[in-house]
Amino acid sequence: DMFVICGNTLGTIYIFIINESNKSEWTL
């Protein structure tokens, strides 16, 4: 639960870091 990897319809990949104290907060 430390990071999320996402992909879109244009072929772009996004890697987000999940905040340990507030799991709803992500940083690109």
mmCIF file of all heavy atoms, coordinates in Angstrom:
data_MODEL
# 
_entry.id   MODEL 
# 
loop_
_atom_site.group_PDB 
_atom_site.id 
_atom_site.type_symbol 
_atom_site.label_atom_id 
_atom_site.label_alt_id 
_atom_site.label_comp_id 
_atom_site.label_asym_id 
_atom_site.label_entity_id 
_atom_site.label_seq_id 
_atom_site.pdbx_PDB_ins_code 
_atom_site.Cartn_x 
_atom_site.Cartn_y 
_atom_site.Cartn_z 
_atom_site.occupancy 
_atom_site.B_iso_or_equiv 
_atom_site.pdbx_formal_charge 
_atom_site.auth_seq_id 
_atom_site.auth_comp_id 
_atom_site.auth_asym_id 
_atom_site.auth_atom_id 
_atom_site.pdbx_PDB_model_num 
ATOM 1   N N   . ASP A 1 1  ? 0.828  -1.221 0.000   1.00 0.00 ? 1  ASP A N   1 
ATOM 2   C CA  . ASP A 1 1  ? 0.000  0.000  0.000   1.00 0.00 ? 1  ASP A CA  1 
ATOM 3   C C   . ASP A 1 1  ? 0.857  1.264  0.000   1.00 0.00 ? 1  ASP A C   1 
ATOM 4   O O   . ASP A 1 1  ? 0.475  2.291  0.534   1.00 0.00 ? 1  ASP A O   1 
ATOM 5   C CB  . ASP A 1 1  ? -0.955 0.049  1.202   1.00 0.00 ? 1  ASP A CB  1 
ATOM 6   C CG  . ASP A 1 1  ? -2.136 -0.893 1.052   1.00 0.00 ? 1  ASP A CG  1 
ATOM 7   O OD1 . ASP A 1 1  ? -2.407 -1.345 -0.075  1.00 0.00 ? 1  ASP A OD1 1 
ATOM 8   O OD2 . ASP A 1 1  ? -2.799 -1.161 2.067   1.00 0.00 ? 1  ASP A OD2 1 
ATOM 9   N N   . MET A 1 2  ? 2.049  1.194  -0.618  1.00 0.00 ? 2  MET A N   1 
ATOM 10  C CA  . MET A 1 2  ? 2.938  2.352  -0.641  1.00 0.00 ? 2  MET A CA  1 
ATOM 11  C C   . MET A 1 2  ? 2.850  3.151  -1.939  1.00 0.00 ? 2  MET A C   1 
ATOM 12  O O   . MET A 1 2  ? 3.165  4.335  -1.949  1.00 0.00 ? 2  MET A O   1 
ATOM 13  C CB  . MET A 1 2  ? 4.382  1.922  -0.415  1.00 0.00 ? 2  MET A CB  1 
ATOM 14  C CG  . MET A 1 2  ? 4.623  1.414  0.995   1.00 0.00 ? 2  MET A CG  1 
ATOM 15  S SD  . MET A 1 2  ? 6.328  0.944  1.306   1.00 0.00 ? 2  MET A SD  1 
ATOM 16  C CE  . MET A 1 2  ? 7.171  2.466  1.051   1.00 0.00 ? 2  MET A CE  1 
ATOM 17  N N   . PHE A 1 3  ? 2.456  2.504  -3.039  1.00 0.00 ? 3  PHE A N   1 
ATOM 18  C CA  . PHE A 1 3  ? 2.338  3.229  -4.293  1.00 0.00 ? 3  PHE A CA  1 
ATOM 19  C C   . PHE A 1 3  ? 1.289  2.612  -5.204  1.00 0.00 ? 3  PHE A C   1 
ATOM 20  O O   . PHE A 1 3  ? 0.894  1.466  -5.037  1.00 0.00 ? 3  PHE A O   1 
ATOM 21  C CB  . PHE A 1 3  ? 3.690  3.346  -5.008  1.00 0.00 ? 3  PHE A CB  1 
ATOM 22  C CG  . PHE A 1 3  ? 4.359  2.028  -5.310  1.00 0.00 ? 3  PHE A CG  1 
ATOM 23  C CD1 . PHE A 1 3  ? 4.178  1.394  -6.523  1.00 0.00 ? 3  PHE A CD1 1 
ATOM 24  C CD2 . PHE A 1 3  ? 5.191  1.434  -4.379  1.00 0.00 ? 3  PHE A CD2 1 
ATOM 25  C CE1 . PHE A 1 3  ? 4.792  0.193  -6.800  1.00 0.00 ? 3  PHE A CE1 1 
ATOM 26  C CE2 . PHE A 1 3  ? 5.817  0.230  -4.649  1.00 0.00 ? 3  PHE A CE2 1 
ATOM 27  C CZ  . PHE A 1 3  ? 5.618  -0.392 -5.869  1.00 0.00 ? 3  PHE A CZ  1 
ATOM 28  N N   . VAL A 1 4  ? 0.827  3.427  -6.154  1.00 0.00 ? 4  VAL A N   1 
ATOM 29  C CA  . VAL A 1 4  ? -0.177 3.034  -7.137  1.00 0.00 ? 4  VAL A CA  1 
ATOM 30  C C   . VAL A 1 4  ? 0.385  3.355  -8.519  1.00 0.00 ? 4  VAL A C   1 
ATOM 31  O O   . VAL A 1 4  ? 0.986  4.409  -8.715  1.00 0.00 ? 4  VAL A O   1 
ATOM 32  C CB  . VAL A 1 4  ? -1.496 3.816  -6.932  1.00 0.00 ? 4  VAL A CB  1 
ATOM 33  C CG1 . VAL A 1 4  ? -2.506 3.459  -8.006  1.00 0.00 ? 4  VAL A CG1 1 
ATOM 34  C CG2 . VAL A 1 4  ? -2.066 3.561  -5.569  1.00 0.00 ? 4  VAL A CG2 1 
ATOM 35  N N   . ILE A 1 5  ? 0.179  2.448  -9.456  1.00 0.00 ? 5  ILE A N   1 
ATOM 36  C CA  . ILE A 1 5  ? 0.579  2.692  -10.844 1.00 0.00 ? 5  ILE A CA  1 
ATOM 37  C C   . ILE A 1 5  ? -0.674 2.636  -11.698 1.00 0.00 ? 5  ILE A C   1 
ATOM 38  O O   . ILE A 1 5  ? -1.460 1.693  -11.596 1.00 0.00 ? 5  ILE A O   1 
ATOM 39  C CB  . ILE A 1 5  ? 1.617  1.671  -11.323 1.00 0.00 ? 5  ILE A CB  1 
ATOM 40  C CG1 . ILE A 1 5  ? 2.845  1.717  -10.406 1.00 0.00 ? 5  ILE A CG1 1 
ATOM 41  C CG2 . ILE A 1 5  ? 2.009  1.954  -12.779 1.00 0.00 ? 5  ILE A CG2 1 
ATOM 42  C CD1 . ILE A 1 5  ? 3.895  0.678  -10.721 1.00 0.00 ? 5  ILE A CD1 1 
ATOM 43  N N   . CYS A 1 6  ? -0.876 3.678  -12.520 1.00 0.00 ? 6  CYS A N   1 
ATOM 44  C CA  . CYS A 1 6  ? -2.077 3.814  -13.345 1.00 0.00 ? 6  CYS A CA  1 
ATOM 45  C C   . CYS A 1 6  ? -1.686 4.014  -14.801 1.00 0.00 ? 6  CYS A C   1 
ATOM 46  O O   . CYS A 1 6  ? -0.625 4.563  -15.096 1.00 0.00 ? 6  CYS A O   1 
ATOM 47  C CB  . CYS A 1 6  ? -2.890 5.035  -12.911 1.00 0.00 ? 6  CYS A CB  1 
ATOM 48  S SG  . CYS A 1 6  ? -3.222 5.134  -11.161 1.00 0.00 ? 6  CYS A SG  1 
ATOM 49  N N   . GLY A 1 7  ? -2.570 3.615  -15.691 1.00 0.00 ? 7  GLY A N   1 
ATOM 50  C CA  . GLY A 1 7  ? -2.364 3.835  -17.117 1.00 0.00 ? 7  GLY A CA  1 
ATOM 51  C C   . GLY A 1 7  ? -3.635 4.330  -17.770 1.00 0.00 ? 7  GLY A C   1 
ATOM 52  O O   . GLY A 1 7  ? -4.736 3.944  -17.383 1.00 0.00 ? 7  GLY A O   1 
ATOM 53  N N   . ASN A 1 8  ? -3.492 5.206  -18.779 1.00 0.00 ? 8  ASN A N   1 
ATOM 54  C CA  . ASN A 1 8  ? -4.682 5.779  -19.419 1.00 0.00 ? 8  ASN A CA  1 
ATOM 55  C C   . ASN A 1 8  ? -4.822 5.334  -20.872 1.00 0.00 ? 8  ASN A C   1 
ATOM 56  O O   . ASN A 1 8  ? -4.045 4.521  -21.378 1.00 0.00 ? 8  ASN A O   1 
ATOM 57  C CB  . ASN A 1 8  ? -4.690 7.305  -19.278 1.00 0.00 ? 8  ASN A CB  1 
ATOM 58  C CG  . ASN A 1 8  ? -3.604 8.002  -20.068 1.00 0.00 ? 8  ASN A CG  1 
ATOM 59  O OD1 . ASN A 1 8  ? -2.976 7.441  -20.958 1.00 0.00 ? 8  ASN A OD1 1 
ATOM 60  N ND2 . ASN A 1 8  ? -3.373 9.258  -19.740 1.00 0.00 ? 8  ASN A ND2 1 
ATOM 61  N N   . THR A 1 9  ? -5.824 5.874  -21.544 1.00 0.00 ? 9  THR A N   1 
ATOM 62  C CA  . THR A 1 9  ? -6.135 5.480  -22.917 1.00 0.00 ? 9  THR A CA  1 
ATOM 63  C C   . THR A 1 9  ? -5.129 6.024  -23.932 1.00 0.00 ? 9  THR A C   1 
ATOM 64  O O   . THR A 1 9  ? -5.063 5.534  -25.048 1.00 0.00 ? 9  THR A O   1 
ATOM 65  C CB  . THR A 1 9  ? -7.545 5.945  -23.319 1.00 0.00 ? 9  THR A CB  1 
ATOM 66  O OG1 . THR A 1 9  ? -7.622 7.360  -23.161 1.00 0.00 ? 9  THR A OG1 1 
ATOM 67  C CG2 . THR A 1 9  ? -8.611 5.269  -22.477 1.00 0.00 ? 9  THR A CG2 1 
ATOM 68  N N   . LEU A 1 10 ? -4.341 7.015  -23.542 1.00 0.00 ? 10 LEU A N   1 
ATOM 69  C CA  . LEU A 1 10 ? -3.335 7.577  -24.445 1.00 0.00 ? 10 LEU A CA  1 
ATOM 70  C C   . LEU A 1 10 ? -1.981 6.886  -24.320 1.00 0.00 ? 10 LEU A C   1 
ATOM 71  O O   . LEU A 1 10 ? -1.051 7.202  -25.054 1.00 0.00 ? 10 LEU A O   1 
ATOM 72  C CB  . LEU A 1 10 ? -3.165 9.081  -24.181 1.00 0.00 ? 10 LEU A CB  1 
ATOM 73  C CG  . LEU A 1 10 ? -4.394 9.943  -24.419 1.00 0.00 ? 10 LEU A CG  1 
ATOM 74  C CD1 . LEU A 1 10 ? -4.105 11.388 -24.038 1.00 0.00 ? 10 LEU A CD1 1 
ATOM 75  C CD2 . LEU A 1 10 ? -4.842 9.846  -25.870 1.00 0.00 ? 10 LEU A CD2 1 
ATOM 76  N N   . GLY A 1 11 ? -1.855 5.967  -23.366 1.00 0.00 ? 11 GLY A N   1 
ATOM 77  C CA  . GLY A 1 11 ? -0.602 5.240  -23.172 1.00 0.00 ? 11 GLY A CA  1 
ATOM 78  C C   . GLY A 1 11 ? 0.307  5.822  -22.113 1.00 0.00 ? 11 GLY A C   1 
ATOM 79  O O   . GLY A 1 11 ? 1.464  5.420  -22.009 1.00 0.00 ? 11 GLY A O   1 
ATOM 80  N N   . THR A 1 12 ? -0.184 6.746  -21.325 1.00 0.00 ? 12 THR A N   1 
ATOM 81  C CA  . THR A 1 12 ? 0.622  7.361  -20.270 1.00 0.00 ? 12 THR A CA  1 
ATOM 82  C C   . THR A 1 12 ? 0.511  6.544  -18.985 1.00 0.00 ? 12 THR A C   1 
ATOM 83  O O   . THR A 1 12 ? -0.572 6.091  -18.629 1.00 0.00 ? 12 THR A O   1 
ATOM 84  C CB  . THR A 1 12 ? 0.162  8.807  -20.003 1.00 0.00 ? 12 THR A CB  1 
ATOM 85  O OG1 . THR A 1 12 ? 0.187  9.529  -21.229 1.00 0.00 ? 12 THR A OG1 1 
ATOM 86  C CG2 . THR A 1 12 ? 1.058  9.494  -18.999 1.00 0.00 ? 12 THR A CG2 1 
ATOM 87  N N   . ILE A 1 13 ? 1.651  6.374  -18.300 1.00 0.00 ? 13 ILE A N   1 
ATOM 88  C CA  . ILE A 1 13 ? 1.710  5.685  -17.020 1.00 0.00 ? 13 ILE A CA  1 
ATOM 89  C C   . ILE A 1 13 ? 1.966  6.730  -15.939 1.00 0.00 ? 13 ILE A C   1 
ATOM 90  O O   . ILE A 1 13 ? 2.816  7.610  -16.104 1.00 0.00 ? 13 ILE A O   1 
ATOM 91  C CB  . ILE A 1 13 ? 2.855  4.649  -16.992 1.00 0.00 ? 13 ILE A CB  1 
ATOM 92  C CG1 . ILE A 1 13 ? 2.655  3.574  -18.056 1.00 0.00 ? 13 ILE A CG1 1 
ATOM 93  C CG2 . ILE A 1 13 ? 3.023  4.044  -15.599 1.00 0.00 ? 13 ILE A CG2 1 
ATOM 94  C CD1 . ILE A 1 13 ? 1.626  2.540  -17.746 1.00 0.00 ? 13 ILE A CD1 1 
ATOM 95  N N   . TYR A 1 14 ? 1.235  6.637  -14.827 1.00 0.00 ? 14 TYR A N   1 
ATOM 96  C CA  . TYR A 1 14 ? 1.428  7.522  -13.675 1.00 0.00 ? 14 TYR A CA  1 
ATOM 97  C C   . TYR A 1 14 ? 1.799  6.676  -12.470 1.00 0.00 ? 14 TYR A C   1 
ATOM 98  O O   . TYR A 1 14 ? 1.148  5.667  -12.194 1.00 0.00 ? 14 TYR A O   1 
ATOM 99  C CB  . TYR A 1 14 ? 0.150  8.289  -13.340 1.00 0.00 ? 14 TYR A CB  1 
ATOM 100 C CG  . TYR A 1 14 ? -0.318 9.195  -14.448 1.00 0.00 ? 14 TYR A CG  1 
ATOM 101 C CD1 . TYR A 1 14 ? -1.292 8.779  -15.341 1.00 0.00 ? 14 TYR A CD1 1 
ATOM 102 C CD2 . TYR A 1 14 ? 0.226  10.467 -14.594 1.00 0.00 ? 14 TYR A CD2 1 
ATOM 103 C CE1 . TYR A 1 14 ? -1.722 9.614  -16.362 1.00 0.00 ? 14 TYR A CE1 1 
ATOM 104 C CE2 . TYR A 1 14 ? -0.196 11.301 -15.605 1.00 0.00 ? 14 TYR A CE2 1 
ATOM 105 C CZ  . TYR A 1 14 ? -1.160 10.868 -16.488 1.00 0.00 ? 14 TYR A CZ  1 
ATOM 106 O OH  . TYR A 1 14 ? -1.571 11.693 -17.497 1.00 0.00 ? 14 TYR A OH  1 
ATOM 107 N N   . ILE A 1 15 ? 2.827  7.097  -11.739 1.00 0.00 ? 15 ILE A N   1 
ATOM 108 C CA  . ILE A 1 15 ? 3.219  6.432  -10.507 1.00 0.00 ? 15 ILE A CA  1 
ATOM 109 C C   . ILE A 1 15 ? 2.960  7.407  -9.365  1.00 0.00 ? 15 ILE A C   1 
ATOM 110 O O   . ILE A 1 15 ? 3.490  8.519  -9.360  1.00 0.00 ? 15 ILE A O   1 
ATOM 111 C CB  . ILE A 1 15 ? 4.694  6.008  -10.526 1.00 0.00 ? 15 ILE A CB  1 
ATOM 112 C CG1 . ILE A 1 15 ? 4.962  5.084  -11.719 1.00 0.00 ? 15 ILE A CG1 1 
ATOM 113 C CG2 . ILE A 1 15 ? 5.071  5.325  -9.201  1.00 0.00 ? 15 ILE A CG2 1 
ATOM 114 C CD1 . ILE A 1 15 ? 6.428  4.753  -11.928 1.00 0.00 ? 15 ILE A CD1 1 
ATOM 115 N N   . PHE A 1 16 ? 2.123  6.995  -8.428  1.00 0.00 ? 16 PHE A N   1 
ATOM 116 C CA  . PHE A 1 16 ? 1.782  7.805  -7.263  1.00 0.00 ? 16 PHE A CA  1 
ATOM 117 C C   . PHE A 1 16 ? 2.335  7.152  -6.001  1.00 0.00 ? 16 PHE A C   1 
ATOM 118 O O   . PHE A 1 16 ? 2.266  5.937  -5.852  1.00 0.00 ? 16 PHE A O   1 
ATOM 119 C CB  . PHE A 1 16 ? 0.258  7.923  -7.098  1.00 0.00 ? 16 PHE A CB  1 
ATOM 120 C CG  . PHE A 1 16 ? -0.434 8.753  -8.139  1.00 0.00 ? 16 PHE A CG  1 
ATOM 121 C CD1 . PHE A 1 16 ? -0.966 8.160  -9.269  1.00 0.00 ? 16 PHE A CD1 1 
ATOM 122 C CD2 . PHE A 1 16 ? -0.570 10.121 -7.972  1.00 0.00 ? 16 PHE A CD2 1 
ATOM 123 C CE1 . PHE A 1 16 ? -1.631 8.912  -10.227 1.00 0.00 ? 16 PHE A CE1 1 
ATOM 124 C CE2 . PHE A 1 16 ? -1.230 10.883 -8.923  1.00 0.00 ? 16 PHE A CE2 1 
ATOM 125 C CZ  . PHE A 1 16 ? -1.754 10.286 -10.054 1.00 0.00 ? 16 PHE A CZ  1 
ATOM 126 N N   . ILE A 1 17 ? 2.848  7.971  -5.086  1.00 0.00 ? 17 ILE A N   1 
ATOM 127 C CA  . ILE A 1 17 ? 3.270  7.518  -3.761  1.00 0.00 ? 17 ILE A CA  1 
ATOM 128 C C   . ILE A 1 17 ? 2.110  7.778  -2.806  1.00 0.00 ? 17 ILE A C   1 
ATOM 129 O O   . ILE A 1 17 ? 1.533  8.865  -2.804  1.00 0.00 ? 17 ILE A O   1 
ATOM 130 C CB  . ILE A 1 17 ? 4.519  8.284  -3.264  1.00 0.00 ? 17 ILE A CB  1 
ATOM 131 C CG1 . ILE A 1 17 ? 5.661  8.185  -4.267  1.00 0.00 ? 17 ILE A CG1 1 
ATOM 132 C CG2 . ILE A 1 17 ? 4.931  7.803  -1.868  1.00 0.00 ? 17 ILE A CG2 1 
ATOM 133 C CD1 . ILE A 1 17 ? 6.231  6.813  -4.452  1.00 0.00 ? 17 ILE A CD1 1 
ATOM 134 N N   . ILE A 1 18 ? 1.762  6.778  -1.989  1.00 0.00 ? 18 ILE A N   1 
ATOM 135 C CA  . ILE A 1 18 ? 0.664  6.902  -1.031  1.00 0.00 ? 18 ILE A CA  1 
ATOM 136 C C   . ILE A 1 18 ? 1.214  7.401  0.301   1.00 0.00 ? 18 ILE A C   1 
ATOM 137 O O   . ILE A 1 18 ? 2.195  6.855  0.819   1.00 0.00 ? 18 ILE A O   1 
ATOM 138 C CB  . ILE A 1 18 ? -0.055 5.549  -0.841  1.00 0.00 ? 18 ILE A CB  1 
ATOM 139 C CG1 . ILE A 1 18 ? -0.634 5.065  -2.164  1.00 0.00 ? 18 ILE A CG1 1 
ATOM 140 C CG2 . ILE A 1 18 ? -1.134 5.660  0.225   1.00 0.00 ? 18 ILE A CG2 1 
ATOM 141 C CD1 . ILE A 1 18 ? -1.195 3.656  -2.110  1.00 0.00 ? 18 ILE A CD1 1 
ATOM 142 N N   . ASN A 1 19 ? 0.573  8.416  0.859   1.00 0.00 ? 19 ASN A N   1 
ATOM 143 C CA  . ASN A 1 19 ? 0.959  8.965  2.153   1.00 0.00 ? 19 ASN A CA  1 
ATOM 144 C C   . ASN A 1 19 ? 0.683  7.911  3.231   1.00 0.00 ? 19 ASN A C   1 
ATOM 145 O O   . ASN A 1 19 ? -0.423 7.390  3.327   1.00 0.00 ? 19 ASN A O   1 
ATOM 146 C CB  . ASN A 1 19 ? 0.152  10.242 2.418   1.00 0.00 ? 19 ASN A CB  1 
ATOM 147 C CG  . ASN A 1 19 ? 0.534  10.914 3.710   1.00 0.00 ? 19 ASN A CG  1 
ATOM 148 O OD1 . ASN A 1 19 ? 0.821  10.281 4.708   1.00 0.00 ? 19 ASN A OD1 1 
ATOM 149 N ND2 . ASN A 1 19 ? 0.507  12.236 3.682   1.00 0.00 ? 19 ASN A ND2 1 
ATOM 150 N N   . GLU A 1 20 ? 1.690  7.607  4.043   1.00 0.00 ? 20 GLU A N   1 
ATOM 151 C CA  . GLU A 1 20 ? 1.545  6.560  5.071   1.00 0.00 ? 20 GLU A CA  1 
ATOM 152 C C   . GLU A 1 20 ? 0.527  6.914  6.151   1.00 0.00 ? 20 GLU A C   1 
ATOM 153 O O   . GLU A 1 20 ? -0.195 6.049  6.628   1.00 0.00 ? 20 GLU A O   1 
ATOM 154 C CB  . GLU A 1 20 ? 2.890  6.276  5.728   1.00 0.00 ? 20 GLU A CB  1 
ATOM 155 C CG  . GLU A 1 20 ? 3.829  5.507  4.838   1.00 0.00 ? 20 GLU A CG  1 
ATOM 156 C CD  . GLU A 1 20 ? 5.106  5.125  5.562   1.00 0.00 ? 20 GLU A CD  1 
ATOM 157 O OE1 . GLU A 1 20 ? 5.012  4.554  6.668   1.00 0.00 ? 20 GLU A OE1 1 
ATOM 158 O OE2 . GLU A 1 20 ? 6.178  5.414  5.024   1.00 0.00 ? 20 GLU A OE2 1 
ATOM 159 N N   . SER A 1 21 ? 0.458  8.184  6.534   1.00 0.00 ? 21 SER A N   1 
ATOM 160 C CA  . SER A 1 21 ? -0.447 8.565  7.618   1.00 0.00 ? 21 SER A CA  1 
ATOM 161 C C   . SER A 1 21 ? -1.871 8.835  7.142   1.00 0.00 ? 21 SER A C   1 
ATOM 162 O O   . SER A 1 21 ? -2.816 8.687  7.896   1.00 0.00 ? 21 SER A O   1 
ATOM 163 C CB  . SER A 1 21 ? 0.090  9.792  8.362   1.00 0.00 ? 21 SER A CB  1 
ATOM 164 O OG  . SER A 1 21 ? 0.218  10.877 7.468   1.00 0.00 ? 21 SER A OG  1 
ATOM 165 N N   . ASN A 1 22 ? -2.027 9.249  5.885   1.00 0.00 ? 22 ASN A N   1 
ATOM 166 C CA  . ASN A 1 22 ? -3.362 9.458  5.315   1.00 0.00 ? 22 ASN A CA  1 
ATOM 167 C C   . ASN A 1 22 ? -3.401 8.788  3.949   1.00 0.00 ? 22 ASN A C   1 
ATOM 168 O O   . ASN A 1 22 ? -2.972 9.356  2.956   1.00 0.00 ? 22 ASN A O   1 
ATOM 169 C CB  . ASN A 1 22 ? -3.673 10.953 5.187   1.00 0.00 ? 22 ASN A CB  1 
ATOM 170 C CG  . ASN A 1 22 ? -5.053 11.209 4.630   1.00 0.00 ? 22 ASN A CG  1 
ATOM 171 O OD1 . ASN A 1 22 ? -5.764 10.294 4.227   1.00 0.00 ? 22 ASN A OD1 1 
ATOM 172 N ND2 . ASN A 1 22 ? -5.441 12.463 4.588   1.00 0.00 ? 22 ASN A ND2 1 
ATOM 173 N N   . LYS A 1 23 ? -3.891 7.570  3.915   1.00 0.00 ? 23 LYS A N   1 
ATOM 174 C CA  . LYS A 1 23 ? -3.849 6.750  2.697   1.00 0.00 ? 23 LYS A CA  1 
ATOM 175 C C   . LYS A 1 23 ? -4.656 7.330  1.539   1.00 0.00 ? 23 LYS A C   1 
ATOM 176 O O   . LYS A 1 23 ? -4.526 6.884  0.414   1.00 0.00 ? 23 LYS A O   1 
ATOM 177 C CB  . LYS A 1 23 ? -4.339 5.339  3.006   1.00 0.00 ? 23 LYS A CB  1 
ATOM 178 C CG  . LYS A 1 23 ? -3.543 4.615  4.053   1.00 0.00 ? 23 LYS A CG  1 
ATOM 179 C CD  . LYS A 1 23 ? -2.399 3.895  3.443   1.00 0.00 ? 23 LYS A CD  1 
ATOM 180 C CE  . LYS A 1 23 ? -1.691 3.064  4.499   1.00 0.00 ? 23 LYS A CE  1 
ATOM 181 N NZ  . LYS A 1 23 ? -0.609 2.318  3.990   1.00 0.00 ? 23 LYS A NZ  1 
ATOM 182 N N   . SER A 1 24 ? -5.483 8.335  1.801   1.00 0.00 ? 24 SER A N   1 
ATOM 183 C CA  . SER A 1 24 ? -6.241 8.968  0.722   1.00 0.00 ? 24 SER A CA  1 
ATOM 184 C C   . SER A 1 24 ? -5.407 10.011 -0.019  1.00 0.00 ? 24 SER A C   1 
ATOM 185 O O   . SER A 1 24 ? -5.786 10.451 -1.088  1.00 0.00 ? 24 SER A O   1 
ATOM 186 C CB  . SER A 1 24 ? -7.498 9.644  1.270   1.00 0.00 ? 24 SER A CB  1 
ATOM 187 O OG  . SER A 1 24 ? -8.386 8.675  1.760   1.00 0.00 ? 24 SER A OG  1 
ATOM 188 N N   . GLU A 1 25 ? -4.280 10.405 0.556   1.00 0.00 ? 25 GLU A N   1 
ATOM 189 C CA  . GLU A 1 25 ? -3.421 11.406 -0.079  1.00 0.00 ? 25 GLU A CA  1 
ATOM 190 C C   . GLU A 1 25 ? -2.326 10.726 -0.889  1.00 0.00 ? 25 GLU A C   1 
ATOM 191 O O   . GLU A 1 25 ? -1.607 9.878  -0.381  1.00 0.00 ? 25 GLU A O   1 
ATOM 192 C CB  . GLU A 1 25 ? -2.778 12.302 0.979   1.00 0.00 ? 25 GLU A CB  1 
ATOM 193 C CG  . GLU A 1 25 ? -3.739 13.230 1.650   1.00 0.00 ? 25 GLU A CG  1 
ATOM 194 C CD  . GLU A 1 25 ? -3.049 14.148 2.647   1.00 0.00 ? 25 GLU A CD  1 
ATOM 195 O OE1 . GLU A 1 25 ? -1.809 14.259 2.632   1.00 0.00 ? 25 GLU A OE1 1 
ATOM 196 O OE2 . GLU A 1 25 ? -3.773 14.745 3.455   1.00 0.00 ? 25 GLU A OE2 1 
ATOM 197 N N   . TRP A 1 26 ? -2.238 11.104 -2.155  1.00 0.00 ? 26 TRP A N   1 
ATOM 198 C CA  . TRP A 1 26 ? -1.214 10.583 -3.049  1.00 0.00 ? 26 TRP A CA  1 
ATOM 199 C C   . TRP A 1 26 ? -0.361 11.734 -3.551  1.00 0.00 ? 26 TRP A C   1 
ATOM 200 O O   . TRP A 1 26 ? -0.834 12.856 -3.700  1.00 0.00 ? 26 TRP A O   1 
ATOM 201 C CB  . TRP A 1 26 ? -1.831 9.930  -4.265  1.00 0.00 ? 26 TRP A CB  1 
ATOM 202 C CG  . TRP A 1 26 ? -2.681 8.723  -4.032  1.00 0.00 ? 26 TRP A CG  1 
ATOM 203 C CD1 . TRP A 1 26 ? -3.005 8.133  -2.840  1.00 0.00 ? 26 TRP A CD1 1 
ATOM 204 C CD2 . TRP A 1 26 ? -3.343 7.965  -5.039  1.00 0.00 ? 26 TRP A CD2 1 
ATOM 205 N NE1 . TRP A 1 26 ? -3.821 7.058  -3.051  1.00 0.00 ? 26 TRP A NE1 1 
ATOM 206 C CE2 . TRP A 1 26 ? -4.042 6.932  -4.402  1.00 0.00 ? 26 TRP A CE2 1 
ATOM 207 C CE3 . TRP A 1 26 ? -3.408 8.062  -6.416  1.00 0.00 ? 26 TRP A CE3 1 
ATOM 208 C CZ2 . TRP A 1 26 ? -4.794 5.996  -5.098  1.00 0.00 ? 26 TRP A CZ2 1 
ATOM 209 C CZ3 . TRP A 1 26 ? -4.156 7.134  -7.107  1.00 0.00 ? 26 TRP A CZ3 1 
ATOM 210 C CH2 . TRP A 1 26 ? -4.837 6.104  -6.454  1.00 0.00 ? 26 TRP A CH2 1 
ATOM 211 N N   . THR A 1 27 ? 0.880  11.430 -3.884  1.00 0.00 ? 27 THR A N   1 
ATOM 212 C CA  . THR A 1 27 ? 1.776  12.387 -4.522  1.00 0.00 ? 27 THR A CA  1 
ATOM 213 C C   . THR A 1 27 ? 2.230  11.794 -5.844  1.00 0.00 ? 27 THR A C   1 
ATOM 214 O O   . THR A 1 27 ? 2.688  10.643 -5.879  1.00 0.00 ? 27 THR A O   1 
ATOM 215 C CB  . THR A 1 27 ? 3.016  12.659 -3.631  1.00 0.00 ? 27 THR A CB  1 
ATOM 216 O OG1 . THR A 1 27 ? 2.567  13.135 -2.371  1.00 0.00 ? 27 THR A OG1 1 
ATOM 217 C CG2 . THR A 1 27 ? 3.931  13.677 -4.275  1.00 0.00 ? 27 THR A CG2 1 
ATOM 218 N N   . LEU A 1 28 ? 2.082  12.575 -6.918  1.00 0.00 ? 28 LEU A N   1 
ATOM 219 C CA  . LEU A 1 28 ? 2.541  12.099 -8.222  1.00 0.00 ? 28 LEU A CA  1 
ATOM 220 C C   . LEU A 1 28 ? 4.059  12.035 -8.217  1.00 0.00 ? 28 LEU A C   1 
ATOM 221 O O   . LEU A 1 28 ? 4.736  13.042 -8.024  1.00 0.00 ? 28 LEU A O   1 
ATOM 222 C CB  . LEU A 1 28 ? 2.044  13.017 -9.340  1.00 0.00 ? 28 LEU A CB  1 
ATOM 223 C CG  . LEU A 1 28 ? 2.436  12.603 -10.763 1.00 0.00 ? 28 LEU A CG  1 
ATOM 224 C CD1 . LEU A 1 28 ? 1.890  11.224 -11.111 1.00 0.00 ? 28 LEU A CD1 1 
ATOM 225 C CD2 . LEU A 1 28 ? 1.946  13.636 -11.761 1.00 0.00 ? 28 LEU A CD2 1 
# 
